[in-house]
Amino acid sequence: MKLRLAALLFATLNVTLCFAADPNLGTWKLNETQPKIESGFPRTTTVVYEAAGDHVKATFDGIGYDGEATHGQWLGKFDGKDYPVVGDHYADMRSMKQIDDHTMELTITKGGKVTLSGLVVVAGDGKTRTLTTNGIDAEGRKVQRIFVYDKQ
């Protein structure tokens, strides 16, 4: 019994230490001045990444094409596999793949089609996070956008 308890505590500590070192975790708020984002373009204004067992829970709020508030959640791992998105009418699956300590690839799909892909880079000082995306806008045109988030 003591051995099982010790193993459970070790595993919990190991997961906690692993996530504690992850610069992606925390609350990130969009810096709407860097660069200037045109009016009417959807964007995530706040995203919170937190440890949830051996997964990561992401909660994101923003503004859609229609100017209305959006809210969604994702529970997954940074392993490049698809995990369901809840509450986001622009996506039903999301995958995030850790490239190195400060860089991840992001892929968002809706109905089996990739709608957005991108690269997330957390600055070395951990204070900013830059998301460079490639996707399709409401008119079906290919677009690239850069979003800068500040750690709260």
N, C-alpha and C. Protein backbone atom coordinates (compact mmCIF):
# COMPACT_ATOMS: atom_id res chain seq x y z
N MET A 1 0.83 -1.19 0.00
CA MET A 1 0.00 0.00 0.00
C MET A 1 0.87 1.25 0.00
N LYS A 2 1.93 1.26 0.84
CA LYS A 2 2.82 2.41 0.90
C LYS A 2 3.55 2.61 -0.42
N LEU A 3 3.90 1.51 -1.07
CA LEU A 3 4.58 1.59 -2.35
C LEU A 3 3.67 2.22 -3.41
N ARG A 4 2.40 1.83 -3.44
CA ARG A 4 1.44 2.40 -4.40
C ARG A 4 1.25 3.89 -4.15
N LEU A 5 1.13 4.27 -2.89
CA LEU A 5 0.96 5.67 -2.54
C LEU A 5 2.19 6.48 -2.97
N ALA A 6 3.36 5.94 -2.71
CA ALA A 6 4.60 6.61 -3.11
C ALA A 6 4.67 6.76 -4.62
N ALA A 7 4.28 5.73 -5.36
CA ALA A 7 4.29 5.79 -6.83
C ALA A 7 3.30 6.83 -7.33
N LEU A 8 2.12 6.89 -6.71
CA LEU A 8 1.11 7.87 -7.10
C LEU A 8 1.61 9.29 -6.83
N LEU A 9 2.22 9.52 -5.68
CA LEU A 9 2.75 10.84 -5.36
C LEU A 9 3.87 11.23 -6.31
N PHE A 10 4.74 10.27 -6.64
CA PHE A 10 5.83 10.54 -7.58
C PHE A 10 5.28 10.91 -8.95
N ALA A 11 4.29 10.16 -9.43
CA ALA A 11 3.69 10.45 -10.74
C ALA A 11 3.02 11.82 -10.74
N THR A 12 2.31 12.15 -9.68
CA THR A 12 1.65 13.46 -9.58
C THR A 12 2.68 14.58 -9.56
N LEU A 13 3.74 14.42 -8.79
CA LEU A 13 4.79 15.41 -8.72
C LEU A 13 5.47 15.56 -10.08
N ASN A 14 5.72 14.46 -10.75
CA ASN A 14 6.37 14.48 -12.05
C ASN A 14 5.54 15.26 -13.06
N VAL A 15 4.21 15.00 -13.12
CA VAL A 15 3.32 15.72 -14.04
C VAL A 15 3.30 17.20 -13.67
N THR A 16 3.21 17.52 -12.38
CA THR A 16 3.18 18.91 -11.92
C THR A 16 4.45 19.64 -12.31
N LEU A 17 5.61 19.03 -12.09
CA LEU A 17 6.87 19.67 -12.45
C LEU A 17 6.99 19.86 -13.95
N CYS A 18 6.52 18.90 -14.71
CA CYS A 18 6.56 18.99 -16.17
C CYS A 18 5.76 20.21 -16.64
N PHE A 19 4.52 20.36 -16.14
CA PHE A 19 3.68 21.48 -16.54
C PHE A 19 4.20 22.80 -15.97
N ALA A 20 4.78 22.77 -14.78
CA ALA A 20 5.27 24.01 -14.17
C ALA A 20 6.35 24.65 -15.03
N ALA A 21 7.11 23.86 -15.74
CA ALA A 21 8.19 24.37 -16.57
C ALA A 21 7.69 24.81 -17.95
N ASP A 22 6.43 24.56 -18.28
CA ASP A 22 5.90 24.86 -19.61
C ASP A 22 5.56 26.34 -19.72
N PRO A 23 6.27 27.09 -20.58
CA PRO A 23 6.01 28.53 -20.69
C PRO A 23 4.67 28.86 -21.35
N ASN A 24 4.01 27.87 -21.96
CA ASN A 24 2.72 28.11 -22.59
C ASN A 24 1.58 28.26 -21.58
N LEU A 25 1.75 27.66 -20.41
CA LEU A 25 0.68 27.69 -19.41
C LEU A 25 0.52 29.08 -18.82
N GLY A 26 -0.73 29.42 -18.52
CA GLY A 26 -1.03 30.72 -17.93
C GLY A 26 -2.12 31.42 -18.71
N THR A 27 -2.33 32.68 -18.37
CA THR A 27 -3.34 33.51 -19.03
C THR A 27 -2.65 34.46 -19.99
N TRP A 28 -3.15 34.49 -21.22
CA TRP A 28 -2.58 35.32 -22.27
C TRP A 28 -3.66 36.26 -22.81
N LYS A 29 -3.35 37.54 -22.90
CA LYS A 29 -4.30 38.53 -23.40
C LYS A 29 -3.75 39.14 -24.68
N LEU A 30 -4.63 39.24 -25.69
CA LEU A 30 -4.24 39.78 -26.99
C LEU A 30 -3.81 41.23 -26.86
N ASN A 31 -2.66 41.54 -27.40
CA ASN A 31 -2.19 42.91 -27.50
C ASN A 31 -2.66 43.39 -28.87
N GLU A 32 -3.76 44.12 -28.90
CA GLU A 32 -4.39 44.48 -30.17
C GLU A 32 -3.66 45.57 -30.94
N THR A 33 -2.55 46.06 -30.40
CA THR A 33 -1.78 47.08 -31.11
C THR A 33 -0.56 46.49 -31.81
N GLN A 34 -0.26 45.19 -31.61
CA GLN A 34 0.94 44.60 -32.18
C GLN A 34 0.66 43.33 -32.93
N PRO A 35 0.57 43.27 -34.20
CA PRO A 35 0.35 44.42 -35.09
C PRO A 35 -1.12 44.81 -35.06
N LYS A 36 -1.48 45.86 -35.74
CA LYS A 36 -2.86 46.32 -35.78
C LYS A 36 -3.71 45.27 -36.49
N ILE A 37 -4.81 44.87 -35.85
CA ILE A 37 -5.71 43.86 -36.42
C ILE A 37 -6.92 44.58 -36.99
N GLU A 38 -7.22 44.33 -38.27
CA GLU A 38 -8.31 45.06 -38.90
C GLU A 38 -9.66 44.71 -38.28
N SER A 39 -10.54 45.68 -38.28
CA SER A 39 -11.87 45.51 -37.73
C SER A 39 -12.62 44.42 -38.50
N GLY A 40 -13.40 43.63 -37.79
CA GLY A 40 -14.21 42.60 -38.43
C GLY A 40 -13.53 41.25 -38.56
N PHE A 41 -12.22 41.18 -38.30
CA PHE A 41 -11.52 39.91 -38.39
C PHE A 41 -11.65 39.19 -37.06
N PRO A 42 -12.06 37.92 -37.06
CA PRO A 42 -12.21 37.21 -35.78
C PRO A 42 -10.88 37.04 -35.08
N ARG A 43 -10.96 37.02 -33.76
CA ARG A 43 -9.73 36.87 -32.99
C ARG A 43 -10.04 36.36 -31.59
N THR A 44 -9.08 35.65 -31.06
CA THR A 44 -9.15 35.21 -29.67
C THR A 44 -8.51 36.30 -28.86
N THR A 45 -9.26 36.89 -27.92
CA THR A 45 -8.73 37.99 -27.14
C THR A 45 -8.06 37.54 -25.84
N THR A 46 -8.52 36.42 -25.29
CA THR A 46 -7.92 35.88 -24.08
C THR A 46 -7.88 34.36 -24.18
N VAL A 47 -6.77 33.78 -23.81
CA VAL A 47 -6.67 32.32 -23.76
C VAL A 47 -5.97 31.93 -22.45
N VAL A 48 -6.50 30.90 -21.83
CA VAL A 48 -5.93 30.40 -20.58
C VAL A 48 -5.55 28.94 -20.80
N TYR A 49 -4.29 28.61 -20.60
CA TYR A 49 -3.81 27.24 -20.65
C TYR A 49 -3.49 26.81 -19.23
N GLU A 50 -4.06 25.66 -18.80
CA GLU A 50 -3.79 25.17 -17.45
C GLU A 50 -3.67 23.65 -17.47
N ALA A 51 -2.89 23.13 -16.55
CA ALA A 51 -2.73 21.69 -16.41
C ALA A 51 -4.04 21.09 -15.92
N ALA A 52 -4.42 19.95 -16.51
CA ALA A 52 -5.63 19.22 -16.12
C ALA A 52 -5.27 17.74 -16.13
N GLY A 53 -4.68 17.26 -15.03
CA GLY A 53 -4.17 15.89 -15.00
C GLY A 53 -2.97 15.82 -15.93
N ASP A 54 -2.98 14.84 -16.85
CA ASP A 54 -1.89 14.74 -17.81
C ASP A 54 -2.24 15.43 -19.13
N HIS A 55 -3.31 16.22 -19.13
CA HIS A 55 -3.74 16.99 -20.29
C HIS A 55 -3.55 18.48 -20.03
N VAL A 56 -3.83 19.27 -21.04
CA VAL A 56 -3.85 20.72 -20.93
C VAL A 56 -5.26 21.18 -21.28
N LYS A 57 -5.80 22.05 -20.46
CA LYS A 57 -7.12 22.62 -20.74
C LYS A 57 -6.91 24.04 -21.23
N ALA A 58 -7.49 24.34 -22.39
CA ALA A 58 -7.43 25.69 -22.93
C ALA A 58 -8.84 26.26 -22.95
N THR A 59 -8.99 27.45 -22.41
CA THR A 59 -10.25 28.17 -22.46
C THR A 59 -9.98 29.46 -23.22
N PHE A 60 -10.77 29.72 -24.25
CA PHE A 60 -10.50 30.89 -25.07
C PHE A 60 -11.77 31.69 -25.31
N ASP A 61 -11.61 33.00 -25.27
CA ASP A 61 -12.69 33.94 -25.51
C ASP A 61 -12.24 34.91 -26.58
N GLY A 62 -13.19 35.36 -27.39
CA GLY A 62 -12.83 36.27 -28.46
C GLY A 62 -14.01 36.93 -29.10
N ILE A 63 -13.79 37.34 -30.36
CA ILE A 63 -14.80 38.03 -31.15
C ILE A 63 -14.86 37.35 -32.51
N GLY A 64 -16.06 37.00 -32.96
CA GLY A 64 -16.25 36.33 -34.24
C GLY A 64 -16.38 37.30 -35.41
N TYR A 65 -16.54 36.76 -36.64
CA TYR A 65 -16.72 37.58 -37.84
C TYR A 65 -17.91 38.52 -37.67
N ASP A 66 -18.94 38.06 -36.96
CA ASP A 66 -20.15 38.86 -36.78
C ASP A 66 -20.04 39.89 -35.66
N GLY A 67 -18.89 39.98 -35.02
CA GLY A 67 -18.69 40.93 -33.94
C GLY A 67 -19.20 40.43 -32.59
N GLU A 68 -19.77 39.23 -32.59
CA GLU A 68 -20.31 38.67 -31.35
C GLU A 68 -19.21 37.95 -30.56
N ALA A 69 -19.42 37.88 -29.25
CA ALA A 69 -18.47 37.21 -28.38
C ALA A 69 -18.43 35.71 -28.67
N THR A 70 -17.25 35.11 -28.59
CA THR A 70 -17.08 33.67 -28.75
C THR A 70 -16.44 33.11 -27.49
N HIS A 71 -16.71 31.84 -27.23
CA HIS A 71 -16.13 31.16 -26.07
C HIS A 71 -15.98 29.69 -26.42
N GLY A 72 -14.84 29.13 -26.12
CA GLY A 72 -14.64 27.71 -26.37
C GLY A 72 -13.64 27.09 -25.41
N GLN A 73 -13.60 25.76 -25.44
CA GLN A 73 -12.65 25.02 -24.61
C GLN A 73 -12.08 23.85 -25.39
N TRP A 74 -10.88 23.49 -25.00
CA TRP A 74 -10.16 22.37 -25.60
C TRP A 74 -9.44 21.65 -24.47
N LEU A 75 -9.51 20.35 -24.48
CA LEU A 75 -8.78 19.53 -23.52
C LEU A 75 -7.97 18.53 -24.32
N GLY A 76 -6.66 18.65 -24.26
CA GLY A 76 -5.82 17.77 -25.07
C GLY A 76 -4.39 17.77 -24.57
N LYS A 77 -3.51 17.32 -25.44
CA LYS A 77 -2.08 17.27 -25.15
C LYS A 77 -1.34 17.95 -26.28
N PHE A 78 -0.13 18.37 -26.02
CA PHE A 78 0.71 18.99 -27.04
C PHE A 78 1.46 17.90 -27.81
N ASP A 79 0.71 16.93 -28.35
CA ASP A 79 1.31 15.77 -29.01
C ASP A 79 0.99 15.67 -30.50
N GLY A 80 0.33 16.68 -31.07
CA GLY A 80 0.02 16.68 -32.50
C GLY A 80 -1.22 15.90 -32.87
N LYS A 81 -1.92 15.33 -31.90
CA LYS A 81 -3.15 14.58 -32.18
C LYS A 81 -4.35 15.51 -32.05
N ASP A 82 -5.42 15.20 -32.79
CA ASP A 82 -6.65 15.98 -32.72
C ASP A 82 -7.41 15.68 -31.44
N TYR A 83 -7.89 16.76 -30.80
CA TYR A 83 -8.76 16.65 -29.63
C TYR A 83 -9.94 17.59 -29.87
N PRO A 84 -11.13 17.22 -29.38
CA PRO A 84 -12.33 18.02 -29.63
C PRO A 84 -12.28 19.42 -29.02
N VAL A 85 -12.88 20.35 -29.74
CA VAL A 85 -13.09 21.71 -29.27
C VAL A 85 -14.58 21.85 -28.97
N VAL A 86 -14.92 22.45 -27.85
CA VAL A 86 -16.31 22.64 -27.45
C VAL A 86 -16.63 24.13 -27.46
N GLY A 87 -17.76 24.50 -28.06
CA GLY A 87 -18.25 25.87 -28.00
C GLY A 87 -17.72 26.81 -29.05
N ASP A 88 -16.90 26.36 -29.95
CA ASP A 88 -16.32 27.22 -30.99
C ASP A 88 -16.97 26.87 -32.32
N HIS A 89 -17.76 27.80 -32.89
CA HIS A 89 -18.43 27.46 -34.14
C HIS A 89 -17.49 27.52 -35.35
N TYR A 90 -16.23 27.91 -35.16
CA TYR A 90 -15.24 27.90 -36.24
C TYR A 90 -14.41 26.62 -36.25
N ALA A 91 -14.52 25.80 -35.20
CA ALA A 91 -13.67 24.61 -35.10
C ALA A 91 -14.37 23.51 -34.31
N ASP A 92 -14.04 22.26 -34.67
CA ASP A 92 -14.52 21.14 -33.86
C ASP A 92 -13.38 20.27 -33.36
N MET A 93 -12.18 20.46 -33.93
CA MET A 93 -11.00 19.72 -33.49
C MET A 93 -9.80 20.68 -33.51
N ARG A 94 -8.85 20.38 -32.61
CA ARG A 94 -7.62 21.17 -32.55
C ARG A 94 -6.48 20.23 -32.20
N SER A 95 -5.34 20.45 -32.83
CA SER A 95 -4.14 19.72 -32.43
C SER A 95 -3.03 20.73 -32.20
N MET A 96 -2.22 20.42 -31.21
CA MET A 96 -1.06 21.26 -30.91
C MET A 96 0.13 20.32 -30.72
N LYS A 97 1.22 20.65 -31.40
CA LYS A 97 2.40 19.79 -31.33
C LYS A 97 3.59 20.61 -30.85
N GLN A 98 4.20 20.15 -29.76
CA GLN A 98 5.37 20.80 -29.19
C GLN A 98 6.57 20.56 -30.10
N ILE A 99 7.19 21.63 -30.58
CA ILE A 99 8.38 21.54 -31.42
C ILE A 99 9.64 21.64 -30.56
N ASP A 100 9.64 22.63 -29.67
CA ASP A 100 10.71 22.78 -28.68
C ASP A 100 10.10 23.47 -27.46
N ASP A 101 10.92 23.87 -26.49
CA ASP A 101 10.39 24.44 -25.26
C ASP A 101 9.51 25.67 -25.47
N HIS A 102 9.71 26.41 -26.54
CA HIS A 102 8.99 27.66 -26.75
C HIS A 102 8.18 27.71 -28.05
N THR A 103 8.10 26.60 -28.78
CA THR A 103 7.45 26.62 -30.09
C THR A 103 6.49 25.44 -30.24
N MET A 104 5.29 25.75 -30.78
CA MET A 104 4.29 24.71 -31.06
C MET A 104 3.65 24.95 -32.42
N GLU A 105 3.26 23.86 -33.06
CA GLU A 105 2.44 23.93 -34.27
C GLU A 105 0.98 23.77 -33.86
N LEU A 106 0.11 24.51 -34.51
CA LEU A 106 -1.32 24.50 -34.22
C LEU A 106 -2.08 24.18 -35.50
N THR A 107 -3.05 23.27 -35.41
CA THR A 107 -3.93 22.97 -36.54
C THR A 107 -5.35 22.91 -36.02
N ILE A 108 -6.23 23.67 -36.68
CA ILE A 108 -7.65 23.72 -36.31
C ILE A 108 -8.45 23.20 -37.49
N THR A 109 -9.41 22.31 -37.21
CA THR A 109 -10.25 21.76 -38.27
C THR A 109 -11.72 21.93 -37.93
N LYS A 110 -12.52 21.95 -38.99
CA LYS A 110 -13.97 21.99 -38.86
C LYS A 110 -14.51 21.03 -39.92
N GLY A 111 -15.27 20.03 -39.49
CA GLY A 111 -15.83 19.07 -40.43
C GLY A 111 -14.78 18.31 -41.21
N GLY A 112 -13.63 18.06 -40.59
CA GLY A 112 -12.57 17.30 -41.24
C GLY A 112 -11.66 18.13 -42.14
N LYS A 113 -11.95 19.43 -42.31
CA LYS A 113 -11.13 20.30 -43.15
C LYS A 113 -10.31 21.24 -42.27
N VAL A 114 -9.04 21.40 -42.64
CA VAL A 114 -8.18 22.34 -41.92
C VAL A 114 -8.67 23.75 -42.25
N THR A 115 -8.99 24.51 -41.22
CA THR A 115 -9.44 25.89 -41.41
C THR A 115 -8.37 26.89 -41.00
N LEU A 116 -7.44 26.44 -40.15
CA LEU A 116 -6.40 27.33 -39.67
C LEU A 116 -5.20 26.50 -39.25
N SER A 117 -4.03 26.97 -39.61
CA SER A 117 -2.80 26.35 -39.10
C SER A 117 -1.88 27.48 -38.68
N GLY A 118 -0.96 27.15 -37.82
CA GLY A 118 -0.10 28.21 -37.37
C GLY A 118 1.05 27.75 -36.51
N LEU A 119 1.81 28.72 -36.08
CA LEU A 119 2.97 28.50 -35.24
C LEU A 119 2.85 29.42 -34.03
N VAL A 120 3.01 28.85 -32.85
CA VAL A 120 2.95 29.59 -31.59
C VAL A 120 4.37 29.63 -31.03
N VAL A 121 4.86 30.84 -30.75
CA VAL A 121 6.21 31.00 -30.21
C VAL A 121 6.14 31.86 -28.96
N VAL A 122 6.58 31.31 -27.83
CA VAL A 122 6.68 32.05 -26.58
C VAL A 122 8.09 32.63 -26.51
N ALA A 123 8.17 33.92 -26.25
CA ALA A 123 9.47 34.59 -26.16
C ALA A 123 10.31 33.98 -25.05
N GLY A 124 11.62 34.10 -25.18
CA GLY A 124 12.54 33.53 -24.21
C GLY A 124 12.29 34.01 -22.79
N ASP A 125 11.83 35.27 -22.64
CA ASP A 125 11.55 35.78 -21.30
C ASP A 125 10.18 35.37 -20.79
N GLY A 126 9.38 34.68 -21.63
CA GLY A 126 8.08 34.17 -21.22
C GLY A 126 6.99 35.22 -21.10
N LYS A 127 7.25 36.45 -21.53
CA LYS A 127 6.28 37.53 -21.35
C LYS A 127 5.34 37.71 -22.53
N THR A 128 5.75 37.27 -23.72
CA THR A 128 4.88 37.41 -24.89
C THR A 128 4.81 36.09 -25.65
N ARG A 129 3.73 35.97 -26.39
CA ARG A 129 3.45 34.77 -27.16
C ARG A 129 2.96 35.24 -28.52
N THR A 130 3.62 34.81 -29.60
CA THR A 130 3.24 35.24 -30.93
C THR A 130 2.63 34.06 -31.68
N LEU A 131 1.44 34.29 -32.24
CA LEU A 131 0.73 33.28 -33.03
C LEU A 131 0.68 33.76 -34.47
N THR A 132 1.33 33.03 -35.35
CA THR A 132 1.29 33.33 -36.78
C THR A 132 0.39 32.29 -37.42
N THR A 133 -0.71 32.74 -38.06
CA THR A 133 -1.70 31.82 -38.59
C THR A 133 -1.82 31.92 -40.10
N ASN A 134 -2.20 30.81 -40.70
CA ASN A 134 -2.56 30.75 -42.11
C ASN A 134 -3.94 30.10 -42.15
N GLY A 135 -4.86 30.73 -42.87
CA GLY A 135 -6.21 30.18 -42.90
C GLY A 135 -7.01 30.73 -44.06
N ILE A 136 -8.31 30.54 -43.97
CA ILE A 136 -9.25 30.98 -44.98
C ILE A 136 -10.21 31.96 -44.31
N ASP A 137 -10.43 33.15 -44.94
CA ASP A 137 -11.35 34.11 -44.35
C ASP A 137 -12.79 33.80 -44.75
N ALA A 138 -13.73 34.64 -44.34
CA ALA A 138 -15.16 34.41 -44.58
C ALA A 138 -15.49 34.38 -46.07
N GLU A 139 -14.68 35.03 -46.89
CA GLU A 139 -14.91 35.04 -48.34
C GLU A 139 -14.16 33.92 -49.07
N GLY A 140 -13.47 33.06 -48.33
CA GLY A 140 -12.76 31.95 -48.92
C GLY A 140 -11.35 32.27 -49.38
N ARG A 141 -10.84 33.45 -49.04
CA ARG A 141 -9.49 33.84 -49.44
C ARG A 141 -8.47 33.35 -48.41
N LYS A 142 -7.27 32.98 -48.90
CA LYS A 142 -6.18 32.60 -48.00
C LYS A 142 -5.65 33.86 -47.32
N VAL A 143 -5.46 33.77 -46.01
CA VAL A 143 -4.96 34.91 -45.26
C VAL A 143 -3.91 34.46 -44.25
N GLN A 144 -3.01 35.36 -43.94
CA GLN A 144 -2.04 35.13 -42.88
C GLN A 144 -2.19 36.28 -41.88
N ARG A 145 -2.22 35.95 -40.61
CA ARG A 145 -2.35 36.94 -39.55
C ARG A 145 -1.33 36.64 -38.45
N ILE A 146 -0.90 37.71 -37.80
CA ILE A 146 0.01 37.59 -36.66
C ILE A 146 -0.67 38.21 -35.45
N PHE A 147 -0.73 37.46 -34.37
CA PHE A 147 -1.34 37.91 -33.12
C PHE A 147 -0.29 37.84 -32.02
N VAL A 148 -0.18 38.89 -31.23
CA VAL A 148 0.77 38.94 -30.13
C VAL A 148 -0.02 38.98 -28.83
N TYR A 149 0.33 38.09 -27.91
CA TYR A 149 -0.35 37.99 -26.62
C TYR A 149 0.64 38.31 -25.52
N ASP A 150 0.16 39.00 -24.49
CA ASP A 150 0.97 39.32 -23.32
C ASP A 150 0.55 38.42 -22.16
N LYS A 151 1.52 37.91 -21.43
CA LYS A 151 1.25 37.07 -20.27
C LYS A 151 0.69 37.93 -19.15
N GLN A 152 -0.35 37.44 -18.53
CA GLN A 152 -1.02 38.20 -17.45
C GLN A 152 -0.53 37.72 -16.10
